[in-house]
Protein backbone atom coordinates (compact mmCIF):
# COMPACT_ATOMS: atom_id res chain seq x y z
CA ARG A 1 -82.40 121.73 152.99
CA ASN A 2 -83.93 119.02 154.50
CA LEU A 3 -87.18 119.03 156.65
CA VAL A 4 -86.29 118.44 160.58
CA ASN A 5 -88.41 116.55 163.13
CA VAL A 6 -91.19 116.25 160.70
CA MET A 7 -92.92 112.61 159.58
CA ASP A 8 -95.84 111.40 158.03
CA ALA A 9 -98.26 108.98 159.12
CA ASN A 10 -101.11 106.80 158.37
CA TYR A 11 -101.50 104.80 161.88
CA TRP A 12 -101.56 107.17 164.50
CA GLY A 13 -103.97 107.83 167.57
CA ASN A 14 -106.51 110.43 167.58
CA PRO A 15 -106.14 112.72 170.02
CA ARG A 16 -109.38 113.57 170.78
CA ASN A 17 -110.37 109.73 171.65
CA PRO A 18 -110.20 109.35 175.54
CA ALA A 19 -109.40 105.53 174.45
CA VAL A 20 -106.15 107.06 172.81
CA GLN A 21 -105.35 108.94 176.04
CA ASN A 22 -105.65 105.77 178.34
CA PHE A 23 -103.51 103.43 175.43
CA LYS A 24 -100.67 106.32 175.81
CA ASN A 25 -101.01 106.29 179.51
CA ARG A 26 -100.53 102.58 180.01
CA SER A 27 -97.44 102.82 177.26
CA HIS A 28 -95.63 105.15 179.27
CA ARG A 29 -96.61 103.14 182.66
CA THR A 30 -95.34 99.90 180.83
CA TYR A 31 -92.63 101.07 178.77
CA GLY A 32 -91.70 104.02 179.84
CA SER A 33 -92.16 106.07 176.88
CA MET A 34 -95.17 107.16 174.49
CA PRO A 35 -96.13 105.17 171.48
CA SER A 36 -94.47 104.80 168.39
CA ASN A 37 -96.44 104.95 164.86
CA ASP A 38 -95.51 100.63 165.43
CA ALA A 39 -97.34 100.25 168.44
CA TYR A 40 -100.48 102.32 167.42
CA GLN A 41 -100.59 100.28 163.66
CA ALA A 42 -100.12 96.76 165.95
CA TYR A 43 -102.84 98.06 168.42
CA SER A 44 -104.68 99.05 165.61
CA VAL A 45 -104.50 95.85 164.13
CA ILE A 46 -105.30 94.07 167.09
CA GLN A 47 -108.39 95.82 168.20
CA VAL A 48 -109.63 95.19 164.00
CA LEU A 49 -109.27 91.36 164.85
CA LYS A 50 -110.73 91.63 167.75
CA ASP A 51 -113.88 92.88 166.67
CA ALA A 52 -114.49 91.00 163.35
CA ILE A 53 -113.80 88.10 165.47
CA ILE A 54 -117.15 89.20 167.95
CA ALA A 55 -118.97 90.96 164.66
CA CYS A 56 -118.74 87.24 162.95
CA ASN A 57 -118.66 85.11 166.22
CA SER A 58 -116.20 83.01 164.51
CA THR A 59 -112.43 82.34 164.16
CA ASP A 60 -112.76 80.88 160.91
CA GLN A 61 -110.55 82.76 158.27
CA HIS A 62 -112.66 82.87 155.50
CA ALA A 63 -115.46 83.88 158.00
CA ILE A 64 -113.49 86.65 159.59
CA SER A 65 -112.25 88.25 155.99
CA THR A 66 -115.74 87.89 154.45
CA CYS A 67 -116.93 90.09 158.14
CA LEU A 68 -114.07 92.70 157.63
CA HIS A 69 -115.17 93.57 153.95
CA ARG A 70 -118.79 93.65 154.63
CA ASN A 71 -118.96 96.20 157.67
CA GLU A 72 -117.32 99.34 159.26
CA LEU A 73 -115.31 99.50 162.43
CA HIS A 74 -116.09 102.38 164.40
CA ASN A 75 -113.72 101.22 167.82
CA HIS A 76 -110.48 102.39 166.85
CA LEU A 77 -108.05 104.69 168.14
CA LEU A 78 -106.74 105.47 164.59
CA ALA A 79 -106.42 109.68 163.55
CA GLN A 80 -109.46 109.52 160.64
CA ARG A 81 -112.85 111.04 160.69
CA ARG A 82 -114.77 107.85 159.66
CA PRO A 83 -114.98 104.58 160.28
CA ILE A 84 -112.39 101.69 158.96
CA ARG A 85 -113.76 100.12 155.78
CA PHE A 86 -111.61 97.70 154.23
CA ASP A 87 -112.00 97.56 150.14
CA GLN A 88 -111.50 94.32 148.45
CA ARG A 89 -107.30 94.36 148.32
CA GLY A 90 -107.92 94.61 152.32
CA GLN A 91 -106.93 98.56 152.25
CA ASN A 92 -108.59 100.78 154.72
CA ILE A 93 -110.20 102.91 152.36
CA HIS A 94 -110.86 105.52 154.64
CA SER A 95 -107.19 105.89 156.02
CA GLU A 96 -105.96 109.65 156.52
CA THR A 97 -102.43 110.48 156.67
CA VAL A 98 -100.86 113.16 159.34
CA LEU A 99 -98.26 115.15 159.63
CA LEU A 100 -96.33 114.81 162.60
CA GLN A 101 -94.05 117.21 164.36
CA VAL A 102 -91.44 116.50 167.20
CA SER A 103 -91.96 118.51 169.98
CA ASN A 104 -90.02 118.20 173.11
CA PRO A 105 -89.76 115.69 172.36
CA VAL A 106 -93.09 113.83 172.12
CA PRO A 107 -94.68 113.43 168.97
CA LYS A 108 -97.36 115.86 167.71
CA ILE A 109 -100.03 116.26 165.04
CA ALA A 110 -99.59 119.36 162.91
CA TYR A 111 -101.72 118.51 160.31
CA PRO A 112 -104.72 117.73 159.42
CA PRO A 113 -106.62 121.04 161.48
CA PHE A 114 -109.60 118.26 162.77
CA PHE A 115 -106.22 116.71 164.82
CA SER A 116 -103.67 119.01 165.45
CA GLU A 117 -102.30 119.83 168.63
CA MET A 118 -100.33 121.90 167.64
CA GLU A 119 -99.60 124.91 164.91
CA PRO A 120 -96.95 123.35 162.61
CA PHE A 121 -93.10 124.88 162.77
CA PHE A 122 -90.83 123.40 160.39
CA GLY A 123 -87.69 123.93 161.16
CA PHE A 124 -84.70 123.58 158.49
CA ASP A 125 -80.90 122.50 159.00
């Protein structure tokens, strides 16, 4: 038996962040659909780069990299409880996985409870 309509993602929007609703609305107006996991990931990366350039007041690659390792980034859409913080390997150490389930036909967070938009209902085929 296989689970259907269930996926996990590190890059998904925090449904309690008003900026996420704004992002969803703009995406729907522009593309006629809700943002995908890839859209959240791309948008988050651009936002992180923007914040790093502003924080270090430079577009120099080394300065941006140094800045990213020294700062926590609070201005993000991701469904994680803490700011983005990069380790020396470039990994976001505060990243959290969310479990999504497709519900008529929009993916919604079913776990963890802190971000849940619906009760988990896992169908089998």
